[in-house]
Amino acid sequence: MDERSGVLTKDQEVQLDNLIELEGLFETFDGPAIKLIDNQVIERLKVKIPKKYHEDIYGIVDIIFDSLPKKK
């Protein structure tokens, strides 16, 4: 199993960063923002969900990311 903090794997964070294209400085900071939101904010929200559902959530996230383009 891939290591996760939040609900995304490190590869999924990179994949999302590659899909989001912003202008100027915003493009520089979108990768760190994705990582921060997933690893800090979503991780804190995840503790409110019973652990028995975490694998189901990961499965749904994985299916969504498998259907997205890998690089833009």
PDB file of N, CA and C in Angstrom:
ATOM      1  N   MET A   1       0.837  -1.176   0.000  1.00  0.00           N
ATOM      2  CA  MET A   1       0.000   0.000   0.000  1.00  0.00           C
ATOM      3  C   MET A   1       0.887   1.245   0.000  1.00  0.00           C
ATOM      4  N   ASP A   2       0.481   2.226  -0.782  1.00  0.00           N
ATOM      5  CA  ASP A   2       1.219   3.478  -0.842  1.00  0.00           C
ATOM      6  C   ASP A   2       1.035   4.257   0.450  1.00  0.00           C
ATOM      7  N   GLU A   3       2.074   4.970   0.815  1.00  0.00           N
ATOM      8  CA  GLU A   3       2.027   5.779   2.020  1.00  0.00           C
ATOM      9  C   GLU A   3       1.197   7.037   1.750  1.00  0.00           C
ATOM     10  N   ARG A   4       0.302   7.340   2.672  1.00  0.00           N
ATOM     11  CA  ARG A   4      -0.567   8.506   2.513  1.00  0.00           C
ATOM     12  C   ARG A   4      -0.554   9.333   3.777  1.00  0.00           C
ATOM     13  N   SER A   5      -0.590  10.619   3.562  1.00  0.00           N
ATOM     14  CA  SER A   5      -0.896  11.559   4.627  1.00  0.00           C
ATOM     15  C   SER A   5      -2.011  12.395   4.026  1.00  0.00           C
ATOM     16  N   GLY A   6      -3.179  12.405   4.638  1.00  0.00           N
ATOM     17  CA  GLY A   6      -4.366  12.920   3.966  1.00  0.00           C
ATOM     18  C   GLY A   6      -4.975  11.762   3.212  1.00  0.00           C
ATOM     19  N   VAL A   7      -5.468  12.003   2.013  1.00  0.00           N
ATOM     20  CA  VAL A   7      -6.050  10.900   1.236  1.00  0.00           C
ATOM     21  C   VAL A   7      -5.287  10.629  -0.055  1.00  0.00           C
ATOM     22  N   LEU A   8      -4.307  11.466  -0.380  1.00  0.00           N
ATOM     23  CA  LEU A   8      -3.551  11.297  -1.617  1.00  0.00           C
ATOM     24  C   LEU A   8      -2.186  10.681  -1.360  1.00  0.00           C
ATOM     25  N   THR A   9      -1.732   9.880  -2.316  1.00  0.00           N
ATOM     26  CA  THR A   9      -0.351   9.409  -2.284  1.00  0.00           C
ATOM     27  C   THR A   9       0.535  10.528  -2.825  1.00  0.00           C
ATOM     28  N   LYS A  10       1.835  10.382  -2.667  1.00  0.00           N
ATOM     29  CA  LYS A  10       2.752  11.395  -3.199  1.00  0.00           C
ATOM     30  C   LYS A  10       2.637  11.481  -4.718  1.00  0.00           C
ATOM     31  N   ASP A  11       2.461  10.346  -5.389  1.00  0.00           N
ATOM     32  CA  ASP A  11       2.300  10.355  -6.846  1.00  0.00           C
ATOM     33  C   ASP A  11       1.016  11.079  -7.255  1.00  0.00           C
ATOM     34  N   GLN A  12      -0.051  10.899  -6.480  1.00  0.00           N
ATOM     35  CA  GLN A  12      -1.301  11.584  -6.792  1.00  0.00           C
ATOM     36  C   GLN A  12      -1.187  13.090  -6.571  1.00  0.00           C
ATOM     37  N   GLU A  13      -0.423  13.512  -5.565  1.00  0.00           N
ATOM     38  CA  GLU A  13      -0.184  14.937  -5.358  1.00  0.00           C
ATOM     39  C   GLU A  13       0.534  15.530  -6.566  1.00  0.00           C
ATOM     40  N   VAL A  14       1.535  14.818  -7.083  1.00  0.00           N
ATOM     41  CA  VAL A  14       2.279  15.279  -8.260  1.00  0.00           C
ATOM     42  C   VAL A  14       1.357  15.300  -9.476  1.00  0.00           C
ATOM     43  N   GLN A  15       0.541  14.259  -9.622  1.00  0.00           N
ATOM     44  CA  GLN A  15      -0.390  14.183 -10.745  1.00  0.00           C
ATOM     45  C   GLN A  15      -1.353  15.373 -10.721  1.00  0.00           C
ATOM     46  N   LEU A  16      -1.889  15.696  -9.564  1.00  0.00           N
ATOM     47  CA  LEU A  16      -2.798  16.826  -9.434  1.00  0.00           C
ATOM     48  C   LEU A  16      -2.074  18.139  -9.743  1.00  0.00           C
ATOM     49  N   ASP A  17      -0.849  18.277  -9.271  1.00  0.00           N
ATOM     50  CA  ASP A  17      -0.052  19.468  -9.556  1.00  0.00           C
ATOM     51  C   ASP A  17       0.169  19.614 -11.060  1.00  0.00           C
ATOM     52  N   ASN A  18       0.424  18.507 -11.750  1.00  0.00           N
ATOM     53  CA  ASN A  18       0.641  18.554 -13.197  1.00  0.00           C
ATOM     54  C   ASN A  18      -0.632  18.946 -13.953  1.00  0.00           C
ATOM     55  N   LEU A  19      -1.785  18.588 -13.420  1.00  0.00           N
ATOM     56  CA  LEU A  19      -3.038  18.903 -14.088  1.00  0.00           C
ATOM     57  C   LEU A  19      -3.471  20.352 -13.892  1.00  0.00           C
ATOM     58  N   ILE A  20      -3.089  20.937 -12.776  1.00  0.00           N
ATOM     59  CA  ILE A  20      -3.483  22.310 -12.480  1.00  0.00           C
ATOM     60  C   ILE A  20      -2.417  23.251 -13.022  1.00  0.00           C
ATOM     61  N   GLU A  21      -2.818  24.078 -13.972  1.00  0.00           N
ATOM     62  CA  GLU A  21      -1.885  25.049 -14.551  1.00  0.00           C
ATOM     63  C   GLU A  21      -2.398  26.445 -14.251  1.00  0.00           C
ATOM     64  N   LEU A  22      -1.613  27.186 -13.492  1.00  0.00           N
ATOM     65  CA  LEU A  22      -1.956  28.554 -13.124  1.00  0.00           C
ATOM     66  C   LEU A  22      -0.933  29.504 -13.727  1.00  0.00           C
ATOM     67  N   GLU A  23      -1.172  30.780 -13.588  1.00  0.00           N
ATOM     68  CA  GLU A  23      -0.280  31.801 -14.150  1.00  0.00           C
ATOM     69  C   GLU A  23       0.718  32.311 -13.113  1.00  0.00           C
ATOM     70  N   GLY A  24       1.931  32.574 -13.541  1.00  0.00           N
ATOM     71  CA  GLY A  24       2.933  33.250 -12.734  1.00  0.00           C
ATOM     72  C   GLY A  24       3.285  32.554 -11.436  1.00  0.00           C
ATOM     73  N   LEU A  25       3.318  33.342 -10.362  1.00  0.00           N
ATOM     74  CA  LEU A  25       3.699  32.815  -9.050  1.00  0.00           C
ATOM     75  C   LEU A  25       2.729  31.761  -8.533  1.00  0.00           C
ATOM     76  N   PHE A  26       1.478  31.858  -8.957  1.00  0.00           N
ATOM     77  CA  PHE A  26       0.494  30.867  -8.503  1.00  0.00           C
ATOM     78  C   PHE A  26       0.906  29.457  -8.928  1.00  0.00           C
ATOM     79  N   GLU A  27       1.491  29.335 -10.121  1.00  0.00           N
ATOM     80  CA  GLU A  27       1.954  28.028 -10.589  1.00  0.00           C
ATOM     81  C   GLU A  27       3.087  27.510  -9.714  1.00  0.00           C
ATOM     82  N   THR A  28       3.916  28.400  -9.215  1.00  0.00           N
ATOM     83  CA  THR A  28       5.025  28.015  -8.352  1.00  0.00           C
ATOM     84  C   THR A  28       4.527  27.420  -7.038  1.00  0.00           C
ATOM     85  N   PHE A  29       3.427  27.951  -6.552  1.00  0.00           N
ATOM     86  CA  PHE A  29       2.946  27.555  -5.232  1.00  0.00           C
ATOM     87  C   PHE A  29       1.809  26.543  -5.234  1.00  0.00           C
ATOM     88  N   ASP A  30       1.317  26.141  -6.412  1.00  0.00           N
ATOM     89  CA  ASP A  30       0.191  25.209  -6.392  1.00  0.00           C
ATOM     90  C   ASP A  30       0.589  23.820  -5.882  1.00  0.00           C
ATOM     91  N   GLY A  31       1.779  23.360  -6.191  1.00  0.00           N
ATOM     92  CA  GLY A  31       2.242  22.056  -5.692  1.00  0.00           C
ATOM     93  C   GLY A  31       2.350  22.023  -4.176  1.00  0.00           C
ATOM     94  N   PRO A  32       3.075  22.987  -3.588  1.00  0.00           N
ATOM     95  CA  PRO A  32       3.128  23.023  -2.129  1.00  0.00           C
ATOM     96  C   PRO A  32       1.756  23.213  -1.481  1.00  0.00           C
ATOM     97  N   ALA A  33       0.870  23.973  -2.129  1.00  0.00           N
ATOM     98  CA  ALA A  33      -0.480  24.173  -1.582  1.00  0.00           C
ATOM     99  C   ALA A  33      -1.261  22.865  -1.570  1.00  0.00           C
ATOM    100  N   ILE A  34      -1.148  22.085  -2.636  1.00  0.00           N
ATOM    101  CA  ILE A  34      -1.821  20.780  -2.696  1.00  0.00           C
ATOM    102  C   ILE A  34      -1.313  19.892  -1.571  1.00  0.00           C
ATOM    103  N   LYS A  35      -0.009  19.826  -1.423  1.00  0.00           N
ATOM    104  CA  LYS A  35       0.606  18.990  -0.384  1.00  0.00           C
ATOM    105  C   LYS A  35       0.166  19.444   1.009  1.00  0.00           C
ATOM    106  N   LEU A  36       0.179  20.749   1.249  1.00  0.00           N
ATOM    107  CA  LEU A  36      -0.214  21.293   2.542  1.00  0.00           C
ATOM    108  C   LEU A  36      -1.686  20.995   2.851  1.00  0.00           C
ATOM    109  N   ILE A  37      -2.551  21.221   1.890  1.00  0.00           N
ATOM    110  CA  ILE A  37      -3.982  20.969   2.108  1.00  0.00           C
ATOM    111  C   ILE A  37      -4.230  19.491   2.381  1.00  0.00           C
ATOM    112  N   ASP A  38      -3.623  18.616   1.584  1.00  0.00           N
ATOM    113  CA  ASP A  38      -3.848  17.182   1.774  1.00  0.00           C
ATOM    114  C   ASP A  38      -3.220  16.682   3.072  1.00  0.00           C
ATOM    115  N   ASN A  39      -1.959  17.025   3.300  1.00  0.00           N
ATOM    116  CA  ASN A  39      -1.234  16.465   4.442  1.00  0.00           C
ATOM    117  C   ASN A  39      -1.603  17.086   5.779  1.00  0.00           C
ATOM    118  N   GLN A  40      -2.097  18.290   5.773  1.00  0.00           N
ATOM    119  CA  GLN A  40      -2.442  18.944   7.032  1.00  0.00           C
ATOM    120  C   GLN A  40      -3.957  19.030   7.233  1.00  0.00           C
ATOM    121  N   VAL A  41      -4.650  19.701   6.327  1.00  0.00           N
ATOM    122  CA  VAL A  41      -6.084  19.949   6.500  1.00  0.00           C
ATOM    123  C   VAL A  41      -6.893  18.663   6.374  1.00  0.00           C
ATOM    124  N   ILE A  42      -6.718  17.946   5.266  1.00  0.00           N
ATOM    125  CA  ILE A  42      -7.511  16.729   5.062  1.00  0.00           C
ATOM    126  C   ILE A  42      -7.126  15.660   6.076  1.00  0.00           C
ATOM    127  N   GLU A  43      -5.844  15.579   6.431  1.00  0.00           N
ATOM    128  CA  GLU A  43      -5.424  14.614   7.455  1.00  0.00           C
ATOM    129  C   GLU A  43      -6.147  14.875   8.772  1.00  0.00           C
ATOM    130  N   ARG A  44      -6.304  16.135   9.148  1.00  0.00           N
ATOM    131  CA  ARG A  44      -7.013  16.469  10.395  1.00  0.00           C
ATOM    132  C   ARG A  44      -8.503  16.158  10.300  1.00  0.00           C
ATOM    133  N   LEU A  45      -9.080  16.343   9.126  1.00  0.00           N
ATOM    134  CA  LEU A  45     -10.492  16.006   8.942  1.00  0.00           C
ATOM    135  C   LEU A  45     -10.706  14.490   8.907  1.00  0.00           C
ATOM    136  N   LYS A  46      -9.713  13.773   8.391  1.00  0.00           N
ATOM    137  CA  LYS A  46      -9.814  12.319   8.243  1.00  0.00           C
ATOM    138  C   LYS A  46      -9.984  11.615   9.588  1.00  0.00           C
ATOM    139  N   VAL A  47      -9.457  12.186  10.649  1.00  0.00           N
ATOM    140  CA  VAL A  47      -9.560  11.534  11.956  1.00  0.00           C
ATOM    141  C   VAL A  47     -11.001  11.509  12.467  1.00  0.00           C
ATOM    142  N   LYS A  48     -11.870  12.317  11.885  1.00  0.00           N
ATOM    143  CA  LYS A  48     -13.276  12.329  12.283  1.00  0.00           C
ATOM    144  C   LYS A  48     -14.064  11.190  11.636  1.00  0.00           C
ATOM    145  N   ILE A  49     -13.465  10.543  10.656  1.00  0.00           N
ATOM    146  CA  ILE A  49     -14.086   9.420   9.961  1.00  0.00           C
ATOM    147  C   ILE A  49     -13.555   8.128  10.579  1.00  0.00           C
ATOM    148  N   PRO A  50     -14.439   7.195  10.933  1.00  0.00           N
ATOM    149  CA  PRO A  50     -13.959   5.930  11.513  1.00  0.00           C
ATOM    150  C   PRO A  50     -12.928   5.253  10.606  1.00  0.00           C
ATOM    151  N   LYS A  51     -11.866   4.712  11.225  1.00  0.00           N
ATOM    152  CA  LYS A  51     -10.769   4.091  10.470  1.00  0.00           C
ATOM    153  C   LYS A  51     -11.237   2.970   9.547  1.00  0.00           C
ATOM    154  N   LYS A  52     -12.325   2.308   9.902  1.00  0.00           N
ATOM    155  CA  LYS A  52     -12.786   1.192   9.054  1.00  0.00           C
ATOM    156  C   LYS A  52     -13.213   1.667   7.666  1.00  0.00           C
ATOM    157  N   TYR A  53     -13.456   2.972   7.491  1.00  0.00           N
ATOM    158  CA  TYR A  53     -13.851   3.511   6.190  1.00  0.00           C
ATOM    159  C   TYR A  53     -12.690   4.109   5.405  1.00  0.00           C
ATOM    160  N   HIS A  54     -11.533   4.220   6.007  1.00  0.00           N
ATOM    161  CA  HIS A  54     -10.401   4.859   5.334  1.00  0.00           C
ATOM    162  C   HIS A  54     -10.020   4.119   4.055  1.00  0.00           C
ATOM    163  N   GLU A  55      -9.967   2.816   4.090  1.00  0.00           N
ATOM    164  CA  GLU A  55      -9.596   2.057   2.886  1.00  0.00           C
ATOM    165  C   GLU A  55     -10.604   2.273   1.762  1.00  0.00           C
ATOM    166  N   ASP A  56     -11.888   2.390   2.110  1.00  0.00           N
ATOM    167  CA  ASP A  56     -12.914   2.668   1.101  1.00  0.00           C
ATOM    168  C   ASP A  56     -12.687   4.041   0.468  1.00  0.00           C
ATOM    169  N   ILE A  57     -12.356   5.014   1.298  1.00  0.00           N
ATOM    170  CA  ILE A  57     -12.082   6.364   0.792  1.00  0.00           C
ATOM    171  C   ILE A  57     -10.864   6.339  -0.119  1.00  0.00           C
ATOM    172  N   TYR A  58      -9.813   5.645   0.298  1.00  0.00           N
ATOM    173  CA  TYR A  58      -8.611   5.547  -0.534  1.00  0.00           C
ATOM    174  C   TYR A  58      -8.944   4.892  -1.874  1.00  0.00           C
ATOM    175  N   GLY A  59      -9.776   3.870  -1.854  1.00  0.00           N
ATOM    176  CA  GLY A  59     -10.158   3.188  -3.091  1.00  0.00           C
ATOM    177  C   GLY A  59     -10.887   4.122  -4.044  1.00  0.00           C
ATOM    178  N   ILE A  60     -11.777   4.935  -3.509  1.00  0.00           N
ATOM    179  CA  ILE A  60     -12.516   5.893  -4.342  1.00  0.00           C
ATOM    180  C   ILE A  60     -11.555   6.925  -4.927  1.00  0.00           C
ATOM    181  N   VAL A  61     -10.659   7.450  -4.100  1.00  0.00           N
ATOM    182  CA  VAL A  61      -9.674   8.433  -4.575  1.00  0.00           C
ATOM    183  C   VAL A  61      -8.799   7.809  -5.652  1.00  0.00           C
ATOM    184  N   ASP A  62      -8.363   6.569  -5.457  1.00  0.00           N
ATOM    185  CA  ASP A  62      -7.515   5.893  -6.446  1.00  0.00           C
ATOM    186  C   ASP A  62      -8.244   5.723  -7.781  1.00  0.00           C
ATOM    187  N   ILE A  63      -9.519   5.356  -7.740  1.00  0.00           N
ATOM    188  CA  ILE A  63     -10.294   5.197  -8.976  1.00  0.00           C
ATOM    189  C   ILE A  63     -10.401   6.527  -9.710  1.00  0.00           C
ATOM    190  N   ILE A  64     -10.667   7.598  -8.960  1.00  0.00           N
ATOM    191  CA  ILE A  64     -10.761   8.920  -9.581  1.00  0.00           C
ATOM    192  C   ILE A  64      -9.437   9.295 -10.237  1.00  0.00           C
ATOM    193  N   PHE A  65      -8.332   9.111  -9.530  1.00  0.00           N
ATOM    194  CA  PHE A  65      -7.028   9.503 -10.078  1.00  0.00           C
ATOM    195  C   PHE A  65      -6.596   8.592 -11.224  1.00  0.00           C
ATOM    196  N   ASP A  66      -7.023   7.342 -11.216  1.00  0.00           N
ATOM    197  CA  ASP A  66      -6.700   6.457 -12.341  1.00  0.00           C
ATOM    198  C   ASP A  66      -7.393   6.901 -13.623  1.00  0.00           C
ATOM    199  N   SER A  67      -8.528   7.585 -13.486  1.00  0.00           N
ATOM    200  CA  SER A  67      -9.255   8.036 -14.680  1.00  0.00           C
ATOM    201  C   SER A  67      -8.793   9.394 -15.178  1.00  0.00           C
ATOM    202  N   LEU A  68      -7.971  10.105 -14.405  1.00  0.00           N
ATOM    203  CA  LEU A  68      -7.456  11.408 -14.812  1.00  0.00           C
ATOM    204  C   LEU A  68      -6.195  11.246 -15.660  1.00  0.00           C
ATOM    205  N   PRO A  69      -5.924  12.213 -16.539  1.00  0.00           N
ATOM    206  CA  PRO A  69      -4.668  12.148 -17.315  1.00  0.00           C
ATOM    207  C   PRO A  69      -3.459  12.195 -16.382  1.00  0.00           C
ATOM    208  N   LYS A  70      -2.404  11.516 -16.768  1.00  0.00           N
ATOM    209  CA  LYS A  70      -1.203  11.469 -15.928  1.00  0.00           C
ATOM    210  C   LYS A  70      -0.374  12.735 -16.053  1.00  0.00           C
ATOM    211  N   LYS A  71      -0.296  13.316 -17.238  1.00  0.00           N
ATOM    212  CA  LYS A  71       0.446  14.561 -17.470  1.00  0.00           C
ATOM    213  C   LYS A  71      -0.331  15.395 -18.456  1.00  0.00           C
ATOM    214  N   LYS A  72      -0.211  16.702 -18.301  1.00  0.00           N
ATOM    215  CA  LYS A  72      -0.897  17.593 -19.238  1.00  0.00           C
ATOM    216  C   LYS A  72       0.120  18.294 -20.099  1.00  0.00           C
TER     217      LYS A  72
END
